[in-house]
Amino acid sequence: MYSLTDIILIIIICIFTFKGFNKGFVKTVGYLLSYFIGIILAFQFFLPIYTFIQGFIKFESKIAEAVIFILILLIFIKLIKLLISAISNFFKIPIINSVNRILGAVFGFVEGILILGTIIFLFSNYMIFTDFTENMLATSEIAIKLANIAFLFYPFIPKALKELQGIL
């Protein structure tokens, strides 16, 4: 019998799967990549742009840098999403659309598992909400499996985050 935690986790994974199916693989992956690419490009361009317009603005430098960074980030994300949307229109051809949606559902399913597993893994290993986490892991078969899947990615967790375990 599934616990309440298991049922909630299953529902959340189903939501990720359904969202992936609706968007399709191209949009799901593309939109996710747009955030990473947007961050990289914003870091590349915000300082030269800030330097160029520095004389025209009246804000404190740190505030201006942050605002410019966020604006550049949002612009790049929007441009990349527009490009992805244009590319995804190609995938609306009947057979390709079906494959795109099925792969989107698979990617959404995997994304849901990885996100939930990572959250559970971090909560259980870094003593966040200790009583809640212990109770959840004790009563949930799925939470333990999700945490074990996320553990496979433990070597990729930054060293600074691993050091938090000793502090907390």
N, C-alpha and C. Protein backbone atom coordinates (compact mmCIF):
# COMPACT_ATOMS: atom_id res chain seq x y z
N MET A 1 0.84 -1.18 0.00
CA MET A 1 0.00 0.00 0.00
C MET A 1 0.89 1.25 0.00
N TYR A 2 0.51 2.20 -0.81
CA TYR A 2 1.27 3.44 -0.90
C TYR A 2 0.89 4.39 0.22
N SER A 3 1.89 5.10 0.72
CA SER A 3 1.65 6.11 1.76
C SER A 3 1.18 7.40 1.09
N LEU A 4 0.75 8.34 1.91
CA LEU A 4 0.34 9.65 1.39
C LEU A 4 1.50 10.33 0.67
N THR A 5 2.70 10.20 1.21
CA THR A 5 3.89 10.76 0.56
C THR A 5 4.08 10.16 -0.82
N ASP A 6 3.93 8.83 -0.94
CA ASP A 6 4.07 8.17 -2.23
C ASP A 6 3.06 8.71 -3.24
N ILE A 7 1.83 8.87 -2.81
CA ILE A 7 0.77 9.35 -3.70
C ILE A 7 1.08 10.77 -4.17
N ILE A 8 1.53 11.62 -3.26
CA ILE A 8 1.89 13.00 -3.63
C ILE A 8 3.04 13.00 -4.63
N LEU A 9 4.05 12.17 -4.38
CA LEU A 9 5.20 12.10 -5.29
C LEU A 9 4.77 11.59 -6.67
N ILE A 10 3.90 10.60 -6.71
CA ILE A 10 3.40 10.08 -7.99
C ILE A 10 2.64 11.17 -8.74
N ILE A 11 1.81 11.93 -8.04
CA ILE A 11 1.05 13.01 -8.68
C ILE A 11 2.00 14.06 -9.26
N ILE A 12 3.02 14.42 -8.50
CA ILE A 12 3.98 15.43 -8.99
C ILE A 12 4.72 14.92 -10.22
N ILE A 13 5.13 13.66 -10.21
CA ILE A 13 5.82 13.08 -11.37
C ILE A 13 4.87 13.04 -12.57
N CYS A 14 3.61 12.73 -12.34
CA CYS A 14 2.62 12.74 -13.43
C CYS A 14 2.45 14.14 -14.01
N ILE A 15 2.48 15.16 -13.17
CA ILE A 15 2.37 16.54 -13.65
C ILE A 15 3.56 16.88 -14.55
N PHE A 16 4.77 16.51 -14.12
CA PHE A 16 5.95 16.74 -14.95
C PHE A 16 5.82 16.00 -16.29
N THR A 17 5.33 14.76 -16.24
CA THR A 17 5.17 13.96 -17.45
C THR A 17 4.15 14.60 -18.38
N PHE A 18 3.03 15.03 -17.83
CA PHE A 18 1.97 15.65 -18.63
C PHE A 18 2.45 16.97 -19.26
N LYS A 19 3.17 17.77 -18.47
CA LYS A 19 3.72 19.03 -19.00
C LYS A 19 4.70 18.75 -20.14
N GLY A 20 5.54 17.74 -19.98
CA GLY A 20 6.48 17.37 -21.03
C GLY A 20 5.76 16.91 -22.28
N PHE A 21 4.69 16.15 -22.11
CA PHE A 21 3.90 15.67 -23.26
C PHE A 21 3.26 16.84 -23.99
N ASN A 22 2.69 17.78 -23.24
CA ASN A 22 2.03 18.93 -23.87
C ASN A 22 3.01 19.83 -24.62
N LYS A 23 4.17 20.08 -24.03
CA LYS A 23 5.15 20.96 -24.68
C LYS A 23 5.89 20.24 -25.79
N GLY A 24 6.11 18.96 -25.62
CA GLY A 24 6.94 18.21 -26.56
C GLY A 24 8.40 18.27 -26.14
N PHE A 25 9.17 17.37 -26.69
CA PHE A 25 10.58 17.24 -26.32
C PHE A 25 11.37 18.50 -26.67
N VAL A 26 11.16 19.01 -27.86
CA VAL A 26 11.95 20.16 -28.33
C VAL A 26 11.75 21.36 -27.41
N LYS A 27 10.51 21.69 -27.09
CA LYS A 27 10.26 22.85 -26.22
C LYS A 27 10.71 22.57 -24.79
N THR A 28 10.45 21.38 -24.29
CA THR A 28 10.82 21.06 -22.90
C THR A 28 12.33 21.19 -22.71
N VAL A 29 13.09 20.56 -23.57
CA VAL A 29 14.55 20.62 -23.46
C VAL A 29 15.05 22.02 -23.82
N GLY A 30 14.48 22.59 -24.87
CA GLY A 30 14.90 23.93 -25.31
C GLY A 30 14.68 24.99 -24.26
N TYR A 31 13.52 24.96 -23.63
CA TYR A 31 13.24 25.95 -22.59
C TYR A 31 14.17 25.78 -21.40
N LEU A 32 14.45 24.54 -21.04
CA LEU A 32 15.38 24.30 -19.94
C LEU A 32 16.78 24.82 -20.31
N LEU A 33 17.21 24.54 -21.52
CA LEU A 33 18.52 25.02 -21.98
C LEU A 33 18.55 26.54 -22.09
N SER A 34 17.42 27.16 -22.39
CA SER A 34 17.40 28.62 -22.54
C SER A 34 17.82 29.32 -21.26
N TYR A 35 17.49 28.74 -20.11
CA TYR A 35 17.90 29.34 -18.84
C TYR A 35 19.41 29.24 -18.65
N PHE A 36 19.97 28.07 -18.95
CA PHE A 36 21.42 27.90 -18.80
C PHE A 36 22.18 28.78 -19.79
N ILE A 37 21.75 28.77 -21.04
CA ILE A 37 22.40 29.59 -22.06
C ILE A 37 22.23 31.07 -21.74
N GLY A 38 21.04 31.45 -21.29
CA GLY A 38 20.78 32.84 -20.92
C GLY A 38 21.69 33.32 -19.80
N ILE A 39 21.91 32.48 -18.81
CA ILE A 39 22.80 32.83 -17.70
C ILE A 39 24.24 33.01 -18.20
N ILE A 40 24.69 32.08 -19.03
CA ILE A 40 26.05 32.17 -19.57
C ILE A 40 26.22 33.45 -20.38
N LEU A 41 25.26 33.73 -21.27
CA LEU A 41 25.35 34.92 -22.11
C LEU A 41 25.23 36.21 -21.29
N ALA A 42 24.38 36.20 -20.27
CA ALA A 42 24.24 37.38 -19.42
C ALA A 42 25.55 37.68 -18.71
N PHE A 43 26.23 36.65 -18.23
CA PHE A 43 27.54 36.85 -17.59
C PHE A 43 28.56 37.39 -18.59
N GLN A 44 28.46 36.97 -19.83
CA GLN A 44 29.39 37.43 -20.86
C GLN A 44 29.19 38.90 -21.21
N PHE A 45 27.93 39.35 -21.24
CA PHE A 45 27.63 40.67 -21.79
C PHE A 45 27.27 41.76 -20.79
N PHE A 46 26.92 41.40 -19.55
CA PHE A 46 26.41 42.45 -18.67
C PHE A 46 27.47 43.49 -18.30
N LEU A 47 28.70 43.07 -18.09
CA LEU A 47 29.74 44.03 -17.70
C LEU A 47 30.10 45.00 -18.84
N PRO A 48 30.31 44.51 -20.07
CA PRO A 48 30.56 45.46 -21.16
C PRO A 48 29.39 46.43 -21.38
N ILE A 49 28.17 45.93 -21.27
CA ILE A 49 27.00 46.81 -21.46
C ILE A 49 26.92 47.80 -20.31
N TYR A 50 27.16 47.34 -19.09
CA TYR A 50 27.15 48.24 -17.93
C TYR A 50 28.21 49.33 -18.10
N THR A 51 29.40 48.93 -18.52
CA THR A 51 30.48 49.90 -18.72
C THR A 51 30.09 50.94 -19.78
N PHE A 52 29.43 50.48 -20.83
CA PHE A 52 29.02 51.38 -21.92
C PHE A 52 27.98 52.40 -21.46
N ILE A 53 27.01 51.98 -20.64
CA ILE A 53 25.92 52.90 -20.26
C ILE A 53 26.10 53.49 -18.87
N GLN A 54 27.21 53.23 -18.25
CA GLN A 54 27.46 53.67 -16.87
C GLN A 54 27.27 55.17 -16.69
N GLY A 55 27.67 55.98 -17.63
CA GLY A 55 27.55 57.43 -17.50
C GLY A 55 26.12 57.94 -17.61
N PHE A 56 25.23 57.12 -18.15
CA PHE A 56 23.85 57.56 -18.39
C PHE A 56 22.90 57.21 -17.25
N ILE A 57 23.34 56.40 -16.30
CA ILE A 57 22.43 55.95 -15.23
C ILE A 57 22.81 56.58 -13.90
N LYS A 58 21.82 56.71 -13.06
CA LYS A 58 22.01 57.39 -11.77
C LYS A 58 21.87 56.44 -10.56
N PHE A 59 21.93 55.14 -10.80
CA PHE A 59 21.81 54.18 -9.72
C PHE A 59 23.17 53.86 -9.12
N GLU A 60 23.13 53.30 -7.91
CA GLU A 60 24.35 52.78 -7.31
C GLU A 60 24.86 51.66 -8.22
N SER A 61 26.18 51.52 -8.32
CA SER A 61 26.76 50.61 -9.31
C SER A 61 26.29 49.16 -9.15
N LYS A 62 26.23 48.66 -7.92
CA LYS A 62 25.83 47.27 -7.71
C LYS A 62 24.37 47.04 -8.11
N ILE A 63 23.51 47.99 -7.81
CA ILE A 63 22.11 47.88 -8.20
C ILE A 63 21.99 47.92 -9.71
N ALA A 64 22.71 48.84 -10.33
CA ALA A 64 22.68 48.95 -11.80
C ALA A 64 23.20 47.68 -12.45
N GLU A 65 24.28 47.13 -11.92
CA GLU A 65 24.82 45.88 -12.47
C GLU A 65 23.79 44.76 -12.37
N ALA A 66 23.13 44.65 -11.22
CA ALA A 66 22.13 43.60 -11.03
C ALA A 66 20.96 43.78 -11.98
N VAL A 67 20.48 45.01 -12.12
CA VAL A 67 19.34 45.28 -13.01
C VAL A 67 19.72 44.97 -14.45
N ILE A 68 20.90 45.39 -14.87
CA ILE A 68 21.34 45.13 -16.24
C ILE A 68 21.51 43.63 -16.47
N PHE A 69 22.08 42.94 -15.49
CA PHE A 69 22.24 41.49 -15.62
C PHE A 69 20.89 40.82 -15.80
N ILE A 70 19.92 41.17 -14.95
CA ILE A 70 18.59 40.56 -15.03
C ILE A 70 17.92 40.88 -16.36
N LEU A 71 18.03 42.12 -16.81
CA LEU A 71 17.43 42.49 -18.10
C LEU A 71 18.06 41.71 -19.25
N ILE A 72 19.37 41.62 -19.26
CA ILE A 72 20.05 40.86 -20.32
C ILE A 72 19.65 39.39 -20.25
N LEU A 73 19.60 38.85 -19.04
CA LEU A 73 19.19 37.46 -18.87
C LEU A 73 17.80 37.23 -19.45
N LEU A 74 16.86 38.09 -19.08
CA LEU A 74 15.48 37.94 -19.56
C LEU A 74 15.39 38.10 -21.08
N ILE A 75 16.15 39.02 -21.63
CA ILE A 75 16.14 39.21 -23.09
C ILE A 75 16.67 37.97 -23.80
N PHE A 76 17.80 37.43 -23.33
CA PHE A 76 18.35 36.24 -23.97
C PHE A 76 17.43 35.04 -23.82
N ILE A 77 16.85 34.87 -22.64
CA ILE A 77 15.92 33.75 -22.44
C ILE A 77 14.75 33.87 -23.40
N LYS A 78 14.19 35.06 -23.51
CA LYS A 78 13.04 35.28 -24.41
C LYS A 78 13.43 35.01 -25.87
N LEU A 79 14.60 35.51 -26.30
CA LEU A 79 15.05 35.29 -27.67
C LEU A 79 15.26 33.80 -27.96
N ILE A 80 15.86 33.10 -27.01
CA ILE A 80 16.11 31.67 -27.20
C ILE A 80 14.78 30.92 -27.24
N LYS A 81 13.84 31.29 -26.37
CA LYS A 81 12.52 30.64 -26.39
C LYS A 81 11.79 30.90 -27.70
N LEU A 82 11.92 32.10 -28.26
CA LEU A 82 11.32 32.39 -29.57
C LEU A 82 11.93 31.49 -30.64
N LEU A 83 13.25 31.33 -30.60
CA LEU A 83 13.92 30.45 -31.55
C LEU A 83 13.45 29.01 -31.38
N ILE A 84 13.34 28.55 -30.15
CA ILE A 84 12.88 27.19 -29.88
C ILE A 84 11.45 27.02 -30.37
N SER A 85 10.60 28.00 -30.14
CA SER A 85 9.21 27.93 -30.62
C SER A 85 9.16 27.82 -32.13
N ALA A 86 10.01 28.58 -32.81
CA ALA A 86 10.06 28.51 -34.28
C ALA A 86 10.53 27.13 -34.73
N ILE A 87 11.54 26.60 -34.06
CA ILE A 87 12.04 25.27 -34.40
C ILE A 87 10.98 24.21 -34.12
N SER A 88 10.26 24.36 -33.02
CA SER A 88 9.26 23.34 -32.65
C SER A 88 8.09 23.31 -33.63
N ASN A 89 7.86 24.40 -34.37
CA ASN A 89 6.80 24.39 -35.38
C ASN A 89 7.07 23.35 -36.46
N PHE A 90 8.34 23.08 -36.74
CA PHE A 90 8.70 22.03 -37.69
C PHE A 90 8.21 20.67 -37.19
N PHE A 91 8.20 20.48 -35.89
CA PHE A 91 7.84 19.19 -35.31
C PHE A 91 6.33 19.00 -35.17
N LYS A 92 5.55 19.86 -35.78
CA LYS A 92 4.09 19.71 -35.74
C LYS A 92 3.58 18.83 -36.88
N ILE A 93 4.49 18.34 -37.71
CA ILE A 93 4.11 17.39 -38.75
C ILE A 93 3.63 16.13 -38.03
N PRO A 94 2.49 15.52 -38.43
CA PRO A 94 1.83 14.46 -37.65
C PRO A 94 2.73 13.40 -37.02
N ILE A 95 3.53 12.70 -37.78
CA ILE A 95 4.32 11.61 -37.19
C ILE A 95 5.42 12.18 -36.29
N ILE A 96 6.08 13.23 -36.76
CA ILE A 96 7.14 13.84 -35.96
C ILE A 96 6.55 14.44 -34.68
N ASN A 97 5.36 15.01 -34.76
CA ASN A 97 4.70 15.58 -33.59
C ASN A 97 4.45 14.51 -32.53
N SER A 98 4.01 13.34 -32.96
CA SER A 98 3.75 12.25 -32.00
C SER A 98 5.04 11.84 -31.29
N VAL A 99 6.11 11.69 -32.06
CA VAL A 99 7.40 11.32 -31.46
C VAL A 99 7.88 12.42 -30.52
N ASN A 100 7.74 13.67 -30.96
CA ASN A 100 8.14 14.82 -30.14
C ASN A 100 7.39 14.82 -28.81
N ARG A 101 6.09 14.56 -28.85
CA ARG A 101 5.29 14.59 -27.61
C ARG A 101 5.62 13.41 -26.70
N ILE A 102 5.82 12.23 -27.29
CA ILE A 102 6.17 11.06 -26.48
C ILE A 102 7.53 11.26 -25.81
N LEU A 103 8.50 11.75 -26.59
CA LEU A 103 9.82 12.04 -26.01
C LEU A 103 9.73 13.14 -24.96
N GLY A 104 8.83 14.11 -25.18
CA GLY A 104 8.60 15.16 -24.18
C GLY A 104 8.07 14.58 -22.88
N ALA A 105 7.15 13.62 -23.00
CA ALA A 105 6.61 12.97 -21.80
C ALA A 105 7.70 12.20 -21.07
N VAL A 106 8.54 11.49 -21.82
CA VAL A 106 9.64 10.73 -21.21
C VAL A 106 10.60 11.69 -20.51
N PHE A 107 10.96 12.79 -21.19
CA PHE A 107 11.86 13.77 -20.59
C PHE A 107 11.23 14.41 -19.36
N GLY A 108 9.94 14.73 -19.43
CA GLY A 108 9.23 15.30 -18.28
C GLY A 108 9.23 14.34 -17.10
N PHE A 109 9.02 13.05 -17.38
CA PHE A 109 9.04 12.02 -16.35
C PHE A 109 10.41 11.97 -15.68
N VAL A 110 11.47 11.92 -16.49
CA VAL A 110 12.84 11.87 -15.97
C VAL A 110 13.16 13.15 -15.19
N GLU A 111 12.75 14.29 -15.74
CA GLU A 111 12.97 15.57 -15.07
C GLU A 111 12.30 15.58 -13.70
N GLY A 112 11.06 15.11 -13.62
CA GLY A 112 10.34 15.05 -12.35
C GLY A 112 11.04 14.16 -11.34
N ILE A 113 11.49 13.00 -11.80
CA ILE A 113 12.21 12.07 -10.91
C ILE A 113 13.49 12.71 -10.39
N LEU A 114 14.25 13.34 -11.28
CA LEU A 114 15.52 13.94 -10.86
C LEU A 114 15.31 15.12 -9.92
N ILE A 115 14.33 15.96 -10.20
CA ILE A 115 14.09 17.11 -9.32
C ILE A 115 13.61 16.66 -7.95
N LEU A 116 12.62 15.78 -7.92
CA LEU A 116 12.12 15.29 -6.62
C LEU A 116 13.20 14.51 -5.87
N GLY A 117 13.92 13.66 -6.60
CA GLY A 117 14.98 12.88 -5.96
C GLY A 117 16.06 13.77 -5.37
N THR A 118 16.42 14.82 -6.10
CA THR A 118 17.43 15.75 -5.60
C THR A 118 16.95 16.48 -4.36
N ILE A 119 15.71 16.92 -4.37
CA ILE A 119 15.15 17.60 -3.20
C ILE A 119 15.15 16.67 -1.99
N ILE A 120 14.68 15.45 -2.18
CA ILE A 120 14.63 14.48 -1.08
C ILE A 120 16.04 14.15 -0.60
N PHE A 121 16.96 13.95 -1.55
CA PHE A 121 18.35 13.65 -1.21
C PHE A 121 18.96 14.78 -0.39
N LEU A 122 18.77 16.02 -0.84
CA LEU A 122 19.33 17.17 -0.11
C LEU A 122 18.70 17.30 1.27
N PHE A 123 17.38 17.13 1.35
CA PHE A 123 16.71 17.24 2.65
C PHE A 123 17.21 16.16 3.60
N SER A 124 17.37 14.94 3.11
CA SER A 124 17.77 13.86 4.01
C SER A 124 19.25 13.91 4.37
N ASN A 125 20.10 14.36 3.47
CA ASN A 125 21.53 14.38 3.75
C ASN A 125 22.03 15.66 4.40
N TYR A 126 21.28 16.72 4.30
CA TYR A 126 21.72 17.99 4.87
C TYR A 126 20.83 18.43 6.03
N MET A 127 20.11 17.46 6.59
CA MET A 127 19.35 17.65 7.82
C MET A 127 18.34 18.80 7.74
N ILE A 128 17.71 18.94 6.60
CA ILE A 128 16.69 19.98 6.45
C ILE A 128 15.35 19.36 6.84
N PHE A 129 14.62 20.02 7.71
CA PHE A 129 13.33 19.51 8.21
C PHE A 129 13.50 18.07 8.69
N THR A 130 14.40 17.84 9.60
CA THR A 130 14.82 16.51 10.02
C THR A 130 13.66 15.57 10.35
N ASP A 131 12.76 15.97 11.24
CA ASP A 131 11.66 15.08 11.63
C ASP A 131 10.77 14.75 10.44
N PHE A 132 10.45 15.76 9.65
CA PHE A 132 9.61 15.56 8.47
C PHE A 132 10.29 14.61 7.48
N THR A 133 11.57 14.83 7.23
CA THR A 133 12.30 14.01 6.27
C THR A 133 12.41 12.57 6.74
N GLU A 134 12.73 12.38 8.01
CA GLU A 134 12.83 11.02 8.54
C GLU A 134 11.50 10.29 8.45
N ASN A 135 10.41 10.98 8.79
CA ASN A 135 9.08 10.38 8.72
C ASN A 135 8.72 10.04 7.27
N MET A 136 9.04 10.95 6.36
CA MET A 136 8.73 10.74 4.96
C MET A 136 9.49 9.52 4.43
N LEU A 137 10.77 9.43 4.74
CA LEU A 137 11.56 8.31 4.25
C LEU A 137 11.16 6.99 4.91
N ALA A 138 10.70 7.06 6.14
CA ALA A 138 10.29 5.85 6.84
C ALA A 138 8.99 5.28 6.28
N THR A 139 8.12 6.15 5.77
CA THR A 139 6.81 5.68 5.30
C THR A 139 6.69 5.58 3.79
N SER A 140 7.69 6.02 3.07
CA SER A 140 7.58 6.10 1.61
C SER A 140 8.58 5.19 0.91
N GLU A 141 8.06 4.31 0.07
CA GLU A 141 8.93 3.48 -0.76
C GLU A 141 9.50 4.29 -1.92
N ILE A 142 8.68 5.15 -2.47
CA ILE A 142 9.08 5.92 -3.65
C ILE A 142 10.13 6.97 -3.30
N ALA A 143 9.98 7.64 -2.15
CA ALA A 143 10.94 8.68 -1.76
C ALA A 143 12.34 8.11 -1.64
N ILE A 144 12.46 6.92 -1.09
CA ILE A 144 13.77 6.29 -0.95
C ILE A 144 14.36 5.98 -2.32
N LYS A 145 13.53 5.48 -3.24
CA LYS A 145 14.02 5.17 -4.59
C LYS A 145 14.44 6.45 -5.31
N LEU A 146 13.67 7.51 -5.15
CA LEU A 146 14.03 8.79 -5.78
C LEU A 146 15.34 9.33 -5.23
N ALA A 147 15.52 9.23 -3.91
CA ALA A 147 16.77 9.70 -3.30
C ALA A 147 17.96 8.87 -3.79
N ASN A 148 17.75 7.57 -3.96
CA ASN A 148 18.83 6.71 -4.47
C ASN A 148 19.21 7.06 -5.91
N ILE A 149 18.21 7.42 -6.71
CA ILE A 149 18.49 7.85 -8.09
C ILE A 149 19.30 9.14 -8.06
N ALA A 150 18.89 10.07 -7.21
CA ALA A 150 19.62 11.35 -7.12
C ALA A 150 21.04 11.13 -6.60
N PHE A 151 21.23 10.12 -5.75
CA PHE A 151 22.56 9.83 -5.21
C PHE A 151 23.56 9.52 -6.33
N LEU A 152 23.08 9.00 -7.44
CA LEU A 152 23.96 8.71 -8.58
C LEU A 152 24.65 9.98 -9.07
N PHE A 153 24.02 11.14 -8.82
CA PHE A 153 24.58 12.41 -9.27
C PHE A 153 25.39 13.11 -8.18
N TYR A 154 25.57 12.45 -7.03
CA TYR A 154 26.31 13.03 -5.91
C TYR A 154 27.71 13.51 -6.30
N PRO A 155 28.44 12.77 -7.14
CA PRO A 155 29.78 13.26 -7.52
C PRO A 155 29.76 14.61 -8.24
N PHE A 156 28.63 15.00 -8.80
CA PHE A 156 28.54 16.25 -9.54
C PHE A 156 28.11 17.43 -8.68
N ILE A 157 27.77 17.16 -7.42
CA ILE A 157 27.37 18.24 -6.52
C ILE A 157 28.61 19.05 -6.15
N PRO A 158 28.54 20.36 -6.23
CA PRO A 158 29.71 21.19 -5.93
C PRO A 158 30.27 20.91 -4.54
N LYS A 159 31.58 21.03 -4.42
CA LYS A 159 32.28 20.76 -3.16
C LYS A 159 31.74 21.63 -2.01
N ALA A 160 31.42 22.88 -2.30
CA ALA A 160 30.91 23.78 -1.26
C ALA A 160 29.61 23.27 -0.67
N LEU A 161 28.76 22.71 -1.51
CA LEU A 161 27.49 22.17 -1.02
C LEU A 161 27.72 20.93 -0.17
N LYS A 162 28.70 20.11 -0.57
CA LYS A 162 29.03 18.93 0.22
C LYS A 162 29.55 19.32 1.60
N GLU A 163 30.29 20.43 1.66
CA GLU A 163 30.85 20.88 2.93
C GLU A 163 29.77 21.39 3.88
N LEU A 164 28.62 21.77 3.34
CA LEU A 164 27.51 22.19 4.19
C LEU A 164 27.05 21.06 5.10
N GLN A 165 27.20 19.83 4.61
CA GLN A 165 26.77 18.68 5.40
C GLN A 165 27.47 18.67 6.75
N GLY A 166 28.75 19.01 6.77
CA GLY A 166 29.49 19.04 8.03
C GLY A 166 29.06 20.17 8.94
N ILE A 167 28.64 21.28 8.36
CA ILE A 167 28.22 22.44 9.14
C ILE A 167 26.84 22.22 9.74
N LEU A 168 25.91 21.71 8.91
CA LEU A 168 24.55 21.49 9.38
C LEU A 168 24.52 20.23 10.19
